[in-house]
Amino acid sequence: MTGIRVAAAGDIPEGEGIVVSRDQTGTEDDIALLKDEDGTVWALNDTCTHERASLADGWVEDGHVECPLHSSRFCLKNGQVDGLPATRDTVAHRVEVRDGEVYLFPGEQP
């Protein structure tokens, strides 16, 4: 699989995220593209596993995204919960940035 072009790397502000629709990705949930402070782009299922909030609206810092609703934290690398109240991990997807374009590999582990 060559991946799906989902955004330009410049479309994602550092420390923030954007949503890619499930209509574009073919996934069960929308996908949050999140950019860490070092410019690395990560992809997680967008919906927080605790309550229905968008992780793309959260805060990206120190390799984690914090949900804007109740501050659950998820690891950007693997989707593991690293802060309550969430208790279930989210799904991480492989992403590649090539020539300034972001390619998503839905369902593939990073």
C-alpha atoms as a PDB file:
ATOM      1  CA  MET A   1       0.000   0.000   0.000  1.00  0.00           C
ATOM      2  CA  THR A   2       1.314   3.445  -0.885  1.00  0.00           C
ATOM      3  CA  GLY A   3      -0.747   5.378   1.620  1.00  0.00           C
ATOM      4  CA  ILE A   4      -3.447   8.006   1.191  1.00  0.00           C
ATOM      5  CA  ARG A   5      -2.384  11.636   0.783  1.00  0.00           C
ATOM      6  CA  VAL A   6      -4.389  13.367   3.512  1.00  0.00           C
ATOM      7  CA  ALA A   7      -2.778  16.789   4.050  1.00  0.00           C
ATOM      8  CA  ALA A   8       0.218  18.998   3.521  1.00  0.00           C
ATOM      9  CA  ALA A   9       2.543  18.972   6.520  1.00  0.00           C
ATOM     10  CA  GLY A  10       2.182  22.759   6.703  1.00  0.00           C
ATOM     11  CA  ASP A  11      -1.596  22.391   7.224  1.00  0.00           C
ATOM     12  CA  ILE A  12      -1.011  21.041  10.739  1.00  0.00           C
ATOM     13  CA  PRO A  13       0.075  23.664  13.299  1.00  0.00           C
ATOM     14  CA  GLU A  14       2.853  22.600  15.678  1.00  0.00           C
ATOM     15  CA  GLY A  15       1.384  21.386  18.974  1.00  0.00           C
ATOM     16  CA  GLU A  16      -2.069  20.946  17.433  1.00  0.00           C
ATOM     17  CA  GLY A  17      -4.060  18.658  15.169  1.00  0.00           C
ATOM     18  CA  ILE A  18      -6.482  18.466  12.270  1.00  0.00           C
ATOM     19  CA  VAL A  19      -9.227  15.965  11.456  1.00  0.00           C
ATOM     20  CA  VAL A  20      -9.266  13.743   8.386  1.00  0.00           C
ATOM     21  CA  SER A  21     -12.743  12.419   7.641  1.00  0.00           C
ATOM     22  CA  ARG A  22     -13.468   8.700   7.761  1.00  0.00           C
ATOM     23  CA  ASP A  23     -15.014   9.222   4.313  1.00  0.00           C
ATOM     24  CA  GLN A  24     -11.506   9.902   3.008  1.00  0.00           C
ATOM     25  CA  THR A  25      -9.685   7.227   5.028  1.00  0.00           C
ATOM     26  CA  GLY A  26     -12.202   4.368   4.984  1.00  0.00           C
ATOM     27  CA  THR A  27     -11.692   3.907   8.733  1.00  0.00           C
ATOM     28  CA  GLU A  28     -14.309   3.374  11.428  1.00  0.00           C
ATOM     29  CA  ASP A  29     -13.455   6.710  13.083  1.00  0.00           C
ATOM     30  CA  ASP A  30     -12.159  10.023  11.776  1.00  0.00           C
ATOM     31  CA  ILE A  31      -8.376  10.330  12.091  1.00  0.00           C
ATOM     32  CA  ALA A  32      -6.573  13.048  14.051  1.00  0.00           C
ATOM     33  CA  LEU A  33      -3.285  14.159  12.467  1.00  0.00           C
ATOM     34  CA  LEU A  34      -1.230  15.613  15.300  1.00  0.00           C
ATOM     35  CA  LYS A  35       2.078  17.492  15.119  1.00  0.00           C
ATOM     36  CA  ASP A  36       4.489  17.291  18.050  1.00  0.00           C
ATOM     37  CA  GLU A  37       6.836  20.138  19.053  1.00  0.00           C
ATOM     38  CA  ASP A  38       9.648  18.620  16.975  1.00  0.00           C
ATOM     39  CA  GLY A  39       7.484  18.663  13.834  1.00  0.00           C
ATOM     40  CA  THR A  40       6.771  14.921  13.774  1.00  0.00           C
ATOM     41  CA  VAL A  41       3.286  14.055  12.496  1.00  0.00           C
ATOM     42  CA  TRP A  42       1.293  11.280  14.193  1.00  0.00           C
ATOM     43  CA  ALA A  43      -2.132   9.771  13.516  1.00  0.00           C
ATOM     44  CA  LEU A  44      -4.643   8.498  16.070  1.00  0.00           C
ATOM     45  CA  ASN A  45      -8.332   7.714  15.924  1.00  0.00           C
ATOM     46  CA  ASP A  46      -9.928  11.093  16.554  1.00  0.00           C
ATOM     47  CA  THR A  47     -12.574  10.216  19.146  1.00  0.00           C
ATOM     48  CA  CYS A  48     -11.406  10.035  22.758  1.00  0.00           C
ATOM     49  CA  THR A  49     -12.094   6.587  24.259  1.00  0.00           C
ATOM     50  CA  HIS A  50     -13.497   8.168  27.435  1.00  0.00           C
ATOM     51  CA  GLU A  51     -16.151  10.506  26.022  1.00  0.00           C
ATOM     52  CA  ARG A  52     -17.032  11.801  22.589  1.00  0.00           C
ATOM     53  CA  ALA A  53     -14.452  14.540  22.120  1.00  0.00           C
ATOM     54  CA  SER A  54     -12.083  15.200  19.230  1.00  0.00           C
ATOM     55  CA  LEU A  55      -8.422  14.545  20.020  1.00  0.00           C
ATOM     56  CA  ALA A  56      -7.541  16.878  17.136  1.00  0.00           C
ATOM     57  CA  ASP A  57      -8.937  19.679  19.334  1.00  0.00           C
ATOM     58  CA  GLY A  58      -6.597  18.648  22.171  1.00  0.00           C
ATOM     59  CA  TRP A  59      -3.125  19.780  23.179  1.00  0.00           C
ATOM     60  CA  VAL A  60      -0.033  18.070  21.776  1.00  0.00           C
ATOM     61  CA  GLU A  61       2.983  18.105  24.060  1.00  0.00           C
ATOM     62  CA  ASP A  62       5.845  15.828  25.098  1.00  0.00           C
ATOM     63  CA  GLY A  63       4.789  12.956  22.823  1.00  0.00           C
ATOM     64  CA  HIS A  64       1.171  12.960  24.002  1.00  0.00           C
ATOM     65  CA  VAL A  65      -2.185  14.460  23.129  1.00  0.00           C
ATOM     66  CA  GLU A  66      -4.461  15.647  25.906  1.00  0.00           C
ATOM     67  CA  CYS A  67      -8.197  15.429  25.310  1.00  0.00           C
ATOM     68  CA  PRO A  68      -9.863  18.862  25.519  1.00  0.00           C
ATOM     69  CA  LEU A  69     -12.877  17.533  27.447  1.00  0.00           C
ATOM     70  CA  HIS A  70     -11.528  15.760  30.554  1.00  0.00           C
ATOM     71  CA  SER A  71      -7.740  15.848  30.024  1.00  0.00           C
ATOM     72  CA  SER A  72      -7.207  12.142  29.240  1.00  0.00           C
ATOM     73  CA  ARG A  73      -3.737  11.691  27.722  1.00  0.00           C
ATOM     74  CA  PHE A  74      -2.726   9.356  24.892  1.00  0.00           C
ATOM     75  CA  CYS A  75       0.744   8.463  23.608  1.00  0.00           C
ATOM     76  CA  LEU A  76       1.216   9.713  20.037  1.00  0.00           C
ATOM     77  CA  LYS A  77       3.447   6.755  19.107  1.00  0.00           C
ATOM     78  CA  ASN A  78       1.096   3.909  20.020  1.00  0.00           C
ATOM     79  CA  GLY A  79      -2.217   5.329  21.274  1.00  0.00           C
ATOM     80  CA  GLN A  80      -1.770   4.031  24.828  1.00  0.00           C
ATOM     81  CA  VAL A  81      -3.601   5.808  27.640  1.00  0.00           C
ATOM     82  CA  ASP A  82      -1.216   7.767  29.842  1.00  0.00           C
ATOM     83  CA  GLY A  83      -3.696   9.788  31.884  1.00  0.00           C
ATOM     84  CA  LEU A  84      -7.125   9.184  33.355  1.00  0.00           C
ATOM     85  CA  PRO A  85     -10.098   9.309  33.109  1.00  0.00           C
ATOM     86  CA  ALA A  86      -9.724   7.279  29.870  1.00  0.00           C
ATOM     87  CA  THR A  87      -8.892   3.623  30.500  1.00  0.00           C
ATOM     88  CA  ARG A  88      -8.948   2.265  26.909  1.00  0.00           C
ATOM     89  CA  ASP A  89      -6.171   2.864  24.389  1.00  0.00           C
ATOM     90  CA  THR A  90      -6.957   4.482  21.060  1.00  0.00           C
ATOM     91  CA  VAL A  91      -5.748   3.272  17.655  1.00  0.00           C
ATOM     92  CA  ALA A  92      -2.510   4.633  16.187  1.00  0.00           C
ATOM     93  CA  HIS A  93      -1.931   4.610  12.424  1.00  0.00           C
ATOM     94  CA  ARG A  94       1.293   4.806  10.402  1.00  0.00           C
ATOM     95  CA  VAL A  95       2.040   8.162   8.784  1.00  0.00           C
ATOM     96  CA  GLU A  96       4.793   9.232   6.399  1.00  0.00           C
ATOM     97  CA  VAL A  97       5.730  12.751   5.375  1.00  0.00           C
ATOM     98  CA  ARG A  98       7.217  12.860   1.873  1.00  0.00           C
ATOM     99  CA  ASP A  99       8.082  16.098   0.074  1.00  0.00           C
ATOM    100  CA  GLY A 100       5.922  18.066   2.504  1.00  0.00           C
ATOM    101  CA  GLU A 101       2.866  15.836   1.981  1.00  0.00           C
ATOM    102  CA  VAL A 102       1.325  13.641   4.703  1.00  0.00           C
ATOM    103  CA  TYR A 103       0.431  10.069   3.743  1.00  0.00           C
ATOM    104  CA  LEU A 104      -1.728   7.918   6.012  1.00  0.00           C
ATOM    105  CA  PHE A 105      -1.640   4.127   6.132  1.00  0.00           C
ATOM    106  CA  PRO A 106      -4.962   3.312   7.853  1.00  0.00           C
ATOM    107  CA  GLY A 107      -4.853   0.301  10.118  1.00  0.00           C
ATOM    108  CA  GLU A 108      -1.041  -0.080   9.929  1.00  0.00           C
ATOM    109  CA  GLN A 109       0.863   0.299  13.189  1.00  0.00           C
ATOM    110  CA  PRO A 110       3.341   3.209  13.270  1.00  0.00           C
END
